[in-house]
Amino acid sequence: MTLGEVFLESLSTGVITEQEIDWLATQQNRFNRDEEATALKLGRLLDSGVINLGCRIPSQLLRHKLVLNDWIEPLGRRRHHKPIAA
């Protein structure tokens, strides 16, 4: 893991994980001047609410939930649906 990877992933998803913050805290004494500036920028983004502390859901899980909600569940509901008698 590098600071650049953490920064870009956090910026693109809007989320930074607790493990990434722990890593940043333990590695900060090894950062060069540019990396220190990037870490400060990341902190400011956290403070302003652009990036939030949380977890990232893997895209495969999101895709599974999309298929479940849009394809499988509607079919299941229709199968058990009783027609309304007129």
N, C-alpha and C. Protein backbone atom coordinates (compact mmCIF):
# COMPACT_ATOMS: atom_id res chain seq x y z
N MET A 1 0.85 -1.16 0.00
CA MET A 1 0.00 0.00 0.00
C MET A 1 0.90 1.23 0.00
N THR A 2 0.49 2.21 -0.78
CA THR A 2 1.22 3.48 -0.80
C THR A 2 0.25 4.60 -0.47
N LEU A 3 0.79 5.74 -0.09
CA LEU A 3 -0.05 6.88 0.22
C LEU A 3 -0.84 7.31 -1.01
N GLY A 4 -0.22 7.24 -2.17
CA GLY A 4 -0.92 7.60 -3.41
C GLY A 4 -2.12 6.71 -3.66
N GLU A 5 -1.96 5.41 -3.42
CA GLU A 5 -3.08 4.48 -3.60
C GLU A 5 -4.21 4.79 -2.62
N VAL A 6 -3.86 5.03 -1.37
CA VAL A 6 -4.87 5.35 -0.36
C VAL A 6 -5.59 6.65 -0.73
N PHE A 7 -4.83 7.64 -1.14
CA PHE A 7 -5.42 8.93 -1.50
C PHE A 7 -6.37 8.80 -2.68
N LEU A 8 -5.93 8.16 -3.75
CA LEU A 8 -6.77 8.04 -4.94
C LEU A 8 -8.01 7.17 -4.69
N GLU A 9 -7.85 6.08 -3.97
CA GLU A 9 -8.98 5.21 -3.66
C GLU A 9 -9.99 5.94 -2.78
N SER A 10 -9.50 6.67 -1.80
CA SER A 10 -10.39 7.42 -0.91
C SER A 10 -11.10 8.54 -1.66
N LEU A 11 -10.39 9.21 -2.52
CA LEU A 11 -10.98 10.30 -3.29
C LEU A 11 -12.01 9.77 -4.28
N SER A 12 -11.74 8.65 -4.92
CA SER A 12 -12.67 8.12 -5.92
C SER A 12 -13.91 7.48 -5.30
N THR A 13 -13.78 6.92 -4.09
CA THR A 13 -14.93 6.27 -3.47
C THR A 13 -15.61 7.15 -2.42
N GLY A 14 -14.90 8.15 -1.91
CA GLY A 14 -15.44 8.98 -0.85
C GLY A 14 -15.34 8.33 0.52
N VAL A 15 -14.58 7.24 0.60
CA VAL A 15 -14.46 6.48 1.85
C VAL A 15 -12.99 6.16 2.12
N ILE A 16 -12.62 6.26 3.39
CA ILE A 16 -11.32 5.77 3.84
C ILE A 16 -11.60 4.80 4.97
N THR A 17 -10.89 3.69 4.98
CA THR A 17 -11.15 2.66 5.99
C THR A 17 -10.32 2.92 7.24
N GLU A 18 -10.73 2.31 8.32
CA GLU A 18 -10.00 2.43 9.57
C GLU A 18 -8.59 1.87 9.43
N GLN A 19 -8.45 0.77 8.69
CA GLN A 19 -7.13 0.17 8.48
C GLN A 19 -6.21 1.13 7.71
N GLU A 20 -6.76 1.86 6.75
CA GLU A 20 -5.95 2.81 6.00
C GLU A 20 -5.50 3.97 6.88
N ILE A 21 -6.39 4.44 7.74
CA ILE A 21 -6.00 5.51 8.66
C ILE A 21 -4.93 5.01 9.64
N ASP A 22 -5.08 3.79 10.13
CA ASP A 22 -4.05 3.20 11.01
C ASP A 22 -2.72 3.12 10.27
N TRP A 23 -2.76 2.69 9.01
CA TRP A 23 -1.53 2.59 8.23
C TRP A 23 -0.89 3.96 8.06
N LEU A 24 -1.71 4.97 7.75
CA LEU A 24 -1.19 6.34 7.61
C LEU A 24 -0.51 6.81 8.89
N ALA A 25 -1.15 6.52 10.02
CA ALA A 25 -0.59 6.97 11.30
C ALA A 25 0.74 6.29 11.60
N THR A 26 0.85 5.02 11.27
CA THR A 26 2.11 4.31 11.57
C THR A 26 3.22 4.64 10.59
N GLN A 27 2.87 5.06 9.38
CA GLN A 27 3.87 5.33 8.34
C GLN A 27 4.25 6.79 8.23
N GLN A 28 3.57 7.68 8.93
CA GLN A 28 3.76 9.10 8.70
C GLN A 28 5.20 9.59 8.93
N ASN A 29 5.95 8.93 9.79
CA ASN A 29 7.33 9.36 10.01
C ASN A 29 8.25 9.00 8.83
N ARG A 30 7.76 8.19 7.92
CA ARG A 30 8.55 7.80 6.73
C ARG A 30 8.20 8.62 5.49
N PHE A 31 7.18 9.47 5.58
CA PHE A 31 6.74 10.24 4.41
C PHE A 31 7.75 11.32 4.05
N ASN A 32 7.93 11.51 2.74
CA ASN A 32 8.73 12.64 2.29
C ASN A 32 7.83 13.89 2.26
N ARG A 33 8.37 14.98 1.84
CA ARG A 33 7.64 16.26 1.89
C ARG A 33 6.35 16.23 1.06
N ASP A 34 6.41 15.65 -0.14
CA ASP A 34 5.22 15.56 -0.99
C ASP A 34 4.16 14.66 -0.36
N GLU A 35 4.60 13.56 0.22
CA GLU A 35 3.65 12.64 0.87
C GLU A 35 3.01 13.28 2.10
N GLU A 36 3.77 14.08 2.82
CA GLU A 36 3.21 14.80 3.97
C GLU A 36 2.10 15.74 3.51
N ALA A 37 2.34 16.44 2.40
CA ALA A 37 1.33 17.35 1.86
C ALA A 37 0.07 16.57 1.44
N THR A 38 0.26 15.40 0.86
CA THR A 38 -0.87 14.57 0.44
C THR A 38 -1.65 14.08 1.66
N ALA A 39 -0.94 13.68 2.70
CA ALA A 39 -1.61 13.23 3.93
C ALA A 39 -2.39 14.37 4.57
N LEU A 40 -1.84 15.57 4.55
CA LEU A 40 -2.56 16.73 5.08
C LEU A 40 -3.82 17.01 4.26
N LYS A 41 -3.70 16.90 2.94
CA LYS A 41 -4.86 17.10 2.06
C LYS A 41 -5.94 16.06 2.37
N LEU A 42 -5.53 14.84 2.59
CA LEU A 42 -6.47 13.77 2.94
C LEU A 42 -7.18 14.10 4.26
N GLY A 43 -6.43 14.61 5.22
CA GLY A 43 -7.03 15.02 6.49
C GLY A 43 -8.03 16.15 6.32
N ARG A 44 -7.71 17.10 5.46
CA ARG A 44 -8.65 18.21 5.21
C ARG A 44 -9.91 17.72 4.52
N LEU A 45 -9.77 16.76 3.61
CA LEU A 45 -10.94 16.19 2.95
C LEU A 45 -11.81 15.43 3.94
N LEU A 46 -11.20 14.76 4.89
CA LEU A 46 -11.94 14.10 5.97
C LEU A 46 -12.67 15.13 6.83
N ASP A 47 -11.97 16.18 7.20
CA ASP A 47 -12.57 17.22 8.05
C ASP A 47 -13.74 17.91 7.37
N SER A 48 -13.64 18.08 6.06
CA SER A 48 -14.71 18.79 5.34
C SER A 48 -15.87 17.88 4.95
N GLY A 49 -15.71 16.57 5.14
CA GLY A 49 -16.80 15.65 4.82
C GLY A 49 -16.81 15.14 3.39
N VAL A 50 -15.81 15.49 2.61
CA VAL A 50 -15.71 14.98 1.23
C VAL A 50 -15.40 13.49 1.26
N ILE A 51 -14.55 13.09 2.21
CA ILE A 51 -14.21 11.68 2.43
C ILE A 51 -14.70 11.32 3.83
N ASN A 52 -15.30 10.14 3.94
CA ASN A 52 -15.85 9.68 5.21
C ASN A 52 -15.19 8.39 5.65
N LEU A 53 -15.14 8.19 6.96
CA LEU A 53 -14.62 6.95 7.53
C LEU A 53 -15.67 5.87 7.35
N GLY A 54 -15.29 4.74 6.81
CA GLY A 54 -16.24 3.66 6.61
C GLY A 54 -15.58 2.45 5.99
N CYS A 55 -16.38 1.68 5.27
CA CYS A 55 -15.86 0.50 4.58
C CYS A 55 -16.34 0.53 3.13
N ARG A 56 -15.63 -0.16 2.31
CA ARG A 56 -16.00 -0.25 0.89
C ARG A 56 -16.62 -1.61 0.63
N ILE A 57 -17.76 -1.61 -0.04
CA ILE A 57 -18.41 -2.86 -0.41
C ILE A 57 -17.82 -3.32 -1.73
N PRO A 58 -17.35 -4.57 -1.81
CA PRO A 58 -16.78 -5.06 -3.06
C PRO A 58 -17.79 -4.99 -4.19
N SER A 59 -17.33 -4.65 -5.39
CA SER A 59 -18.22 -4.48 -6.53
C SER A 59 -18.98 -5.77 -6.87
N GLN A 60 -18.39 -6.94 -6.62
CA GLN A 60 -19.10 -8.18 -6.90
C GLN A 60 -20.33 -8.32 -6.01
N LEU A 61 -20.23 -7.92 -4.75
CA LEU A 61 -21.36 -7.97 -3.84
C LEU A 61 -22.44 -6.99 -4.29
N LEU A 62 -22.03 -5.79 -4.72
CA LEU A 62 -23.01 -4.84 -5.21
C LEU A 62 -23.72 -5.37 -6.45
N ARG A 63 -22.98 -6.00 -7.34
CA ARG A 63 -23.56 -6.57 -8.55
C ARG A 63 -24.55 -7.67 -8.19
N HIS A 64 -24.21 -8.51 -7.22
CA HIS A 64 -25.10 -9.58 -6.77
C HIS A 64 -26.40 -8.99 -6.23
N LYS A 65 -26.30 -7.94 -5.41
CA LYS A 65 -27.50 -7.32 -4.85
C LYS A 65 -28.35 -6.70 -5.95
N LEU A 66 -27.74 -6.12 -6.95
CA LEU A 66 -28.48 -5.54 -8.07
C LEU A 66 -29.26 -6.62 -8.80
N VAL A 67 -28.62 -7.74 -9.09
CA VAL A 67 -29.29 -8.85 -9.76
C VAL A 67 -30.41 -9.40 -8.88
N LEU A 68 -30.14 -9.54 -7.60
CA LEU A 68 -31.15 -10.05 -6.67
C LEU A 68 -32.37 -9.13 -6.63
N ASN A 69 -32.15 -7.84 -6.51
CA ASN A 69 -33.27 -6.90 -6.39
C ASN A 69 -34.00 -6.66 -7.71
N ASP A 70 -33.28 -6.62 -8.82
CA ASP A 70 -33.90 -6.27 -10.09
C ASP A 70 -34.42 -7.46 -10.89
N TRP A 71 -33.87 -8.65 -10.65
CA TRP A 71 -34.26 -9.79 -11.47
C TRP A 71 -34.89 -10.92 -10.67
N ILE A 72 -34.24 -11.35 -9.63
CA ILE A 72 -34.71 -12.55 -8.91
C ILE A 72 -35.93 -12.24 -8.05
N GLU A 73 -35.88 -11.21 -7.24
CA GLU A 73 -36.99 -10.89 -6.35
C GLU A 73 -38.29 -10.59 -7.10
N PRO A 74 -38.28 -9.78 -8.14
CA PRO A 74 -39.54 -9.53 -8.85
C PRO A 74 -40.15 -10.81 -9.42
N LEU A 75 -39.33 -11.72 -9.89
CA LEU A 75 -39.85 -12.98 -10.42
C LEU A 75 -40.50 -13.79 -9.30
N GLY A 76 -39.86 -13.79 -8.14
CA GLY A 76 -40.41 -14.52 -7.00
C GLY A 76 -41.73 -13.93 -6.54
N ARG A 77 -41.84 -12.62 -6.55
CA ARG A 77 -43.08 -11.98 -6.12
C ARG A 77 -44.20 -12.26 -7.10
N ARG A 78 -43.90 -12.27 -8.37
CA ARG A 78 -44.93 -12.53 -9.39
C ARG A 78 -45.43 -13.97 -9.32
N ARG A 79 -44.55 -14.87 -8.99
CA ARG A 79 -44.91 -16.27 -8.95
C ARG A 79 -45.94 -16.53 -7.85
N HIS A 80 -45.82 -15.83 -6.73
CA HIS A 80 -46.73 -16.04 -5.61
C HIS A 80 -47.90 -15.07 -5.63
N HIS A 81 -47.97 -14.24 -6.64
CA HIS A 81 -49.03 -13.24 -6.73
C HIS A 81 -50.32 -13.92 -7.18
N LYS A 82 -51.38 -13.68 -6.44
CA LYS A 82 -52.68 -14.25 -6.81
C LYS A 82 -53.45 -13.21 -7.60
N PRO A 83 -54.03 -13.58 -8.73
CA PRO A 83 -54.79 -12.60 -9.51
C PRO A 83 -56.03 -12.16 -8.73
N ILE A 84 -56.35 -10.89 -8.93
CA ILE A 84 -57.53 -10.33 -8.28
C ILE A 84 -58.77 -10.69 -9.09
N ALA A 85 -59.73 -11.29 -8.43
CA ALA A 85 -60.97 -11.69 -9.13
C ALA A 85 -61.83 -10.46 -9.34
N ALA A 86 -62.39 -10.36 -10.55
CA ALA A 86 -63.22 -9.20 -10.87
C ALA A 86 -64.67 -9.43 -10.52
